C-alpha atoms as a PDB file:
ATOM      1  CA  MET A   1      16.173 -12.727   1.004  1.00  0.00           C
ATOM      2  CA  ALA A   2      12.796 -13.582  -0.466  1.00  0.00           C
ATOM      3  CA  THR A   3      12.632 -14.822  -4.025  1.00  0.00           C
ATOM      4  CA  THR A   4      10.159 -13.626  -6.623  1.00  0.00           C
ATOM      5  CA  GLU A   5       8.598 -17.089  -6.575  1.00  0.00           C
ATOM      6  CA  GLN A   6       8.061 -16.921  -2.801  1.00  0.00           C
ATOM      7  CA  ILE A   7       6.440 -13.500  -3.071  1.00  0.00           C
ATOM      8  CA  GLU A   8       4.201 -14.554  -5.961  1.00  0.00           C
ATOM      9  CA  SER A   9       3.199 -17.721  -4.103  1.00  0.00           C
ATOM     10  CA  ALA A  10       2.311 -15.709  -0.996  1.00  0.00           C
ATOM     11  CA  GLN A  11       0.253 -13.309  -3.120  1.00  0.00           C
ATOM     12  CA  ARG A  12      -1.680 -16.193  -4.713  1.00  0.00           C
ATOM     13  CA  LYS A  13      -2.349 -17.781  -1.310  1.00  0.00           C
ATOM     14  CA  LEU A  14      -3.573 -14.441   0.016  1.00  0.00           C
ATOM     15  CA  GLU A  15      -5.902 -13.929  -2.965  1.00  0.00           C
ATOM     16  CA  ARG A  16      -7.406 -17.411  -2.485  1.00  0.00           C
ATOM     17  CA  ALA A  17      -7.798 -16.882   1.265  1.00  0.00           C
ATOM     18  CA  ARG A  18      -9.530 -13.539   0.728  1.00  0.00           C
ATOM     19  CA  ALA A  19     -11.931 -15.108  -1.774  1.00  0.00           C
ATOM     20  CA  GLU A  20     -12.715 -17.944   0.636  1.00  0.00           C
ATOM     21  CA  ARG A  21     -13.190 -15.496   3.513  1.00  0.00           C
ATOM     22  CA  ASP A  22     -15.536 -13.382   1.417  1.00  0.00           C
ATOM     23  CA  SER A  23     -17.548 -16.458   0.422  1.00  0.00           C
ATOM     24  CA  TRP A  24     -18.375 -17.057   4.100  1.00  0.00           C
ATOM     25  CA  LYS A  25     -19.493 -13.489   4.773  1.00  0.00           C
ATOM     26  CA  GLY A  26     -23.089 -13.431   5.929  1.00  0.00           C
ATOM     27  CA  SER A  27     -23.548 -17.196   5.929  1.00  0.00           C
ATOM     28  CA  ASN A  28     -21.351 -18.609   8.680  1.00  0.00           C
ATOM     29  CA  ARG A  29     -19.806 -16.257  11.200  1.00  0.00           C
ATOM     30  CA  HIS A  30     -17.387 -18.794  12.701  1.00  0.00           C
ATOM     31  CA  ASN A  31     -15.949 -19.817   9.338  1.00  0.00           C
ATOM     32  CA  TYR A  32     -15.729 -16.166   8.276  1.00  0.00           C
ATOM     33  CA  GLU A  33     -13.792 -15.303  11.439  1.00  0.00           C
ATOM     34  CA  MET A  34     -11.426 -18.253  10.999  1.00  0.00           C
ATOM     35  CA  ALA A  35     -10.833 -17.305   7.369  1.00  0.00           C
ATOM     36  CA  SER A  36     -10.204 -13.705   8.470  1.00  0.00           C
ATOM     37  CA  HIS A  37      -7.472 -14.919  10.830  1.00  0.00           C
ATOM     38  CA  LEU A  38      -5.858 -16.818   7.971  1.00  0.00           C
ATOM     39  CA  VAL A  39      -5.986 -13.710   5.759  1.00  0.00           C
ATOM     40  CA  ALA A  40      -4.334 -11.641   8.501  1.00  0.00           C
ATOM     41  CA  ALA A  41      -1.560 -14.208   8.920  1.00  0.00           C
ATOM     42  CA  LEU A  42      -0.944 -14.370   5.170  1.00  0.00           C
ATOM     43  CA  GLU A  43      -0.865 -10.566   4.960  1.00  0.00           C
ATOM     44  CA  LYS A  44       1.829 -10.520   7.650  1.00  0.00           C
ATOM     45  CA  GLU A  45       3.803 -13.205   5.833  1.00  0.00           C
ATOM     46  CA  LEU A  46       3.615 -11.296   2.555  1.00  0.00           C
ATOM     47  CA  ALA A  47       4.698  -8.084   4.278  1.00  0.00           C
ATOM     48  CA  ARG A  48       7.660  -9.937   5.792  1.00  0.00           C
ATOM     49  CA  LEU A  49       8.682 -11.351   2.420  1.00  0.00           C
ATOM     50  CA  LEU A  50       8.397  -7.946   0.773  1.00  0.00           C
ATOM     51  CA  SER A  51      10.494  -6.298   3.485  1.00  0.00           C
ATOM     52  CA  GLU A  52      13.168  -8.988   3.083  1.00  0.00           C
ATOM     53  CA  ASP A  53      13.209  -8.347  -0.642  1.00  0.00           C
ATOM     54  CA  GLY A  54      13.473  -4.585  -0.235  1.00  0.00           C
ATOM     55  CA  HIS A  55      10.108  -3.678  -1.793  1.00  0.00           C
END
């Protein structure tokens, strides 16, 4: 079962990763793509935590 702290931590990481991804948009395609992969992985992790917690 996921704790509130784990969920909040995952949300913060996802927000930071999205901001970093967006900062690369239009300037460096490779870095943007790598950051997009990280965002996708963090979204999956957050979804897993939320499903464990029953949200």
